[in-house]
N, C-alpha and C. Protein backbone atom coordinates (compact mmCIF):
# COMPACT_ATOMS: atom_id res chain seq x y z
N MET A 1 -172.49 52.99 -62.46
CA MET A 1 -173.61 52.76 -61.58
C MET A 1 -174.52 51.65 -62.10
N ALA A 2 -174.79 51.65 -63.38
CA ALA A 2 -175.70 50.66 -63.96
C ALA A 2 -175.15 49.25 -63.82
N CYS A 3 -173.83 49.09 -63.82
CA CYS A 3 -173.19 47.76 -63.70
C CYS A 3 -172.90 47.38 -62.26
N ASP A 4 -172.92 48.32 -61.36
CA ASP A 4 -172.50 48.09 -59.98
C ASP A 4 -173.57 47.35 -59.19
N PRO A 5 -173.26 46.13 -58.70
CA PRO A 5 -174.25 45.37 -57.94
C PRO A 5 -174.67 46.03 -56.63
N SER A 6 -173.90 47.01 -56.15
CA SER A 6 -174.28 47.67 -54.91
C SER A 6 -175.22 48.86 -55.13
N THR A 7 -175.51 49.17 -56.39
CA THR A 7 -176.45 50.27 -56.68
C THR A 7 -177.83 49.88 -56.20
N GLU A 8 -178.49 50.80 -55.55
CA GLU A 8 -179.83 50.56 -55.01
C GLU A 8 -180.81 50.19 -56.13
N PRO A 9 -181.72 49.26 -55.85
CA PRO A 9 -182.70 48.85 -56.87
C PRO A 9 -183.51 50.00 -57.45
N ASP A 10 -183.89 50.98 -56.63
CA ASP A 10 -184.67 52.10 -57.17
C ASP A 10 -183.86 52.91 -58.17
N VAL A 11 -182.56 52.99 -57.99
CA VAL A 11 -181.70 53.69 -58.95
C VAL A 11 -181.61 52.88 -60.25
N LEU A 12 -181.50 51.56 -60.13
CA LEU A 12 -181.46 50.72 -61.33
C LEU A 12 -182.75 50.87 -62.13
N TRP A 13 -183.87 50.90 -61.44
CA TRP A 13 -185.15 51.08 -62.13
C TRP A 13 -185.23 52.47 -62.77
N HIS A 14 -184.71 53.47 -62.12
CA HIS A 14 -184.70 54.82 -62.71
C HIS A 14 -183.89 54.80 -64.01
N ILE A 15 -182.73 54.16 -63.97
CA ILE A 15 -181.91 54.04 -65.18
C ILE A 15 -182.69 53.32 -66.27
N ALA A 16 -183.34 52.22 -65.91
CA ALA A 16 -184.09 51.44 -66.89
C ALA A 16 -185.20 52.26 -67.54
N ARG A 17 -185.88 53.07 -66.75
CA ARG A 17 -187.00 53.84 -67.28
C ARG A 17 -186.57 55.11 -68.02
N GLU A 18 -185.53 55.76 -67.52
CA GLU A 18 -185.20 57.11 -67.98
C GLU A 18 -183.94 57.24 -68.82
N ALA A 19 -183.11 56.22 -68.89
CA ALA A 19 -181.83 56.34 -69.59
C ALA A 19 -181.62 55.17 -70.55
N PRO A 20 -182.31 55.19 -71.69
CA PRO A 20 -182.21 54.06 -72.62
C PRO A 20 -180.78 53.77 -73.06
N GLU A 21 -179.93 54.80 -73.10
CA GLU A 21 -178.54 54.59 -73.52
C GLU A 21 -177.73 53.82 -72.48
N LEU A 22 -178.25 53.67 -71.26
CA LEU A 22 -177.56 52.92 -70.21
C LEU A 22 -178.16 51.55 -69.94
N ARG A 23 -179.28 51.24 -70.57
CA ARG A 23 -179.95 49.96 -70.30
C ARG A 23 -179.06 48.75 -70.56
N MET A 24 -178.23 48.83 -71.60
CA MET A 24 -177.38 47.68 -71.91
C MET A 24 -176.47 47.32 -70.74
N TRP A 25 -176.08 48.32 -69.95
CA TRP A 25 -175.19 48.07 -68.82
C TRP A 25 -175.92 47.41 -67.66
N LEU A 26 -177.21 47.59 -67.56
CA LEU A 26 -177.98 46.93 -66.50
C LEU A 26 -177.93 45.41 -66.66
N ILE A 27 -177.84 44.95 -67.90
CA ILE A 27 -177.82 43.52 -68.18
C ILE A 27 -176.58 42.86 -67.57
N ALA A 28 -175.50 43.62 -67.45
CA ALA A 28 -174.26 43.10 -66.87
C ALA A 28 -174.27 43.14 -65.34
N ASN A 29 -175.28 43.74 -64.75
CA ASN A 29 -175.33 43.89 -63.30
C ASN A 29 -175.86 42.60 -62.67
N THR A 30 -175.03 41.96 -61.86
CA THR A 30 -175.41 40.69 -61.23
C THR A 30 -176.55 40.85 -60.23
N ALA A 31 -176.82 42.08 -59.81
CA ALA A 31 -177.92 42.33 -58.87
C ALA A 31 -179.24 42.66 -59.58
N ALA A 32 -179.22 42.72 -60.91
CA ALA A 32 -180.45 43.03 -61.65
C ALA A 32 -181.45 41.89 -61.47
N THR A 33 -182.66 42.25 -61.12
CA THR A 33 -183.71 41.24 -60.91
C THR A 33 -184.27 40.77 -62.24
N PRO A 34 -184.89 39.59 -62.24
CA PRO A 34 -185.55 39.14 -63.48
C PRO A 34 -186.57 40.15 -64.00
N GLU A 35 -187.27 40.80 -63.10
CA GLU A 35 -188.27 41.80 -63.51
C GLU A 35 -187.61 42.99 -64.20
N LEU A 36 -186.49 43.42 -63.67
CA LEU A 36 -185.77 44.53 -64.29
C LEU A 36 -185.26 44.13 -65.66
N LEU A 37 -184.69 42.94 -65.76
CA LEU A 37 -184.18 42.47 -67.06
C LEU A 37 -185.31 42.31 -68.07
N GLU A 38 -186.47 41.86 -67.62
CA GLU A 38 -187.63 41.74 -68.51
C GLU A 38 -188.05 43.12 -69.03
N PHE A 39 -188.08 44.09 -68.14
CA PHE A 39 -188.42 45.46 -68.56
C PHE A 39 -187.42 45.95 -69.61
N VAL A 40 -186.14 45.75 -69.34
CA VAL A 40 -185.10 46.21 -70.27
C VAL A 40 -185.25 45.50 -71.61
N ALA A 41 -185.53 44.21 -71.59
CA ALA A 41 -185.71 43.46 -72.83
C ALA A 41 -186.88 44.01 -73.64
N GLN A 42 -187.96 44.34 -72.97
CA GLN A 42 -189.13 44.86 -73.68
C GLN A 42 -188.95 46.32 -74.11
N ALA A 43 -188.28 47.11 -73.29
CA ALA A 43 -188.10 48.53 -73.61
C ALA A 43 -187.05 48.73 -74.69
N GLY A 44 -186.03 47.85 -74.71
CA GLY A 44 -184.98 47.97 -75.71
C GLY A 44 -184.10 49.18 -75.48
N GLY A 45 -183.37 49.52 -76.50
CA GLY A 45 -182.45 50.66 -76.42
C GLY A 45 -181.15 50.31 -77.11
N PRO A 46 -180.28 51.29 -77.26
CA PRO A 46 -179.01 51.05 -77.93
C PRO A 46 -178.19 49.96 -77.23
N GLY A 47 -177.81 48.94 -77.97
CA GLY A 47 -176.95 47.89 -77.45
C GLY A 47 -177.62 46.82 -76.61
N VAL A 48 -178.92 46.95 -76.35
CA VAL A 48 -179.61 45.99 -75.47
C VAL A 48 -179.62 44.59 -76.07
N LYS A 49 -179.96 44.46 -77.33
CA LYS A 49 -180.00 43.13 -77.95
C LYS A 49 -178.63 42.47 -77.89
N ARG A 50 -177.60 43.22 -78.24
CA ARG A 50 -176.24 42.66 -78.22
C ARG A 50 -175.83 42.28 -76.79
N ALA A 51 -176.19 43.08 -75.81
CA ALA A 51 -175.84 42.77 -74.43
C ALA A 51 -176.51 41.47 -73.98
N PHE A 52 -177.78 41.28 -74.35
CA PHE A 52 -178.45 40.02 -74.02
C PHE A 52 -177.80 38.85 -74.78
N ASP A 53 -177.41 39.06 -76.03
CA ASP A 53 -176.72 38.01 -76.79
C ASP A 53 -175.45 37.58 -76.07
N VAL A 54 -174.68 38.53 -75.59
CA VAL A 54 -173.43 38.24 -74.87
C VAL A 54 -173.74 37.48 -73.58
N LEU A 55 -174.75 37.93 -72.85
CA LEU A 55 -175.14 37.25 -71.61
C LEU A 55 -175.52 35.80 -71.87
N PHE A 56 -176.37 35.58 -72.87
CA PHE A 56 -176.83 34.22 -73.16
C PHE A 56 -175.69 33.35 -73.67
N GLU A 57 -174.79 33.91 -74.47
CA GLU A 57 -173.62 33.15 -74.94
C GLU A 57 -172.75 32.73 -73.76
N SER A 58 -172.54 33.62 -72.80
CA SER A 58 -171.71 33.28 -71.65
C SER A 58 -172.38 32.21 -70.80
N MET A 59 -173.71 32.24 -70.70
CA MET A 59 -174.43 31.21 -69.95
C MET A 59 -174.29 29.85 -70.65
N GLU A 60 -174.36 29.85 -71.97
CA GLU A 60 -174.19 28.61 -72.72
C GLU A 60 -172.77 28.07 -72.55
N ASP A 61 -171.79 28.96 -72.57
CA ASP A 61 -170.40 28.55 -72.37
C ASP A 61 -170.22 27.94 -70.98
N ASP A 62 -170.83 28.55 -69.97
CA ASP A 62 -170.75 28.03 -68.60
C ASP A 62 -171.39 26.65 -68.52
N ALA A 63 -172.52 26.47 -69.19
CA ALA A 63 -173.21 25.18 -69.16
C ALA A 63 -172.38 24.11 -69.86
N ARG A 64 -171.74 24.46 -70.96
CA ARG A 64 -170.87 23.50 -71.67
C ARG A 64 -169.68 23.12 -70.81
N THR A 65 -169.09 24.09 -70.15
CA THR A 65 -167.93 23.84 -69.30
C THR A 65 -168.31 22.93 -68.13
N ALA A 66 -169.46 23.18 -67.55
CA ALA A 66 -169.92 22.37 -66.42
C ALA A 66 -170.22 20.93 -66.83
N ALA A 67 -170.63 20.75 -68.08
CA ALA A 67 -170.97 19.40 -68.57
C ALA A 67 -169.74 18.56 -68.86
N VAL A 68 -168.58 19.20 -69.00
CA VAL A 68 -167.35 18.48 -69.35
C VAL A 68 -166.71 17.87 -68.15
């Protein structure tokens, strides 16, 4: 549910607020809003830092590929 882009925004926010062990999966959700990701970044939780690291690395890889 946390990764599924079709999950309703209110459910994603519930996960963000109430299930710290699932926050890392919200980062992989393409439907997550910047506000939700900001909340997750500030709230933290198991695996959150690593999930953001992976996201940012993939964005850098995409930017490098596009520049070639």
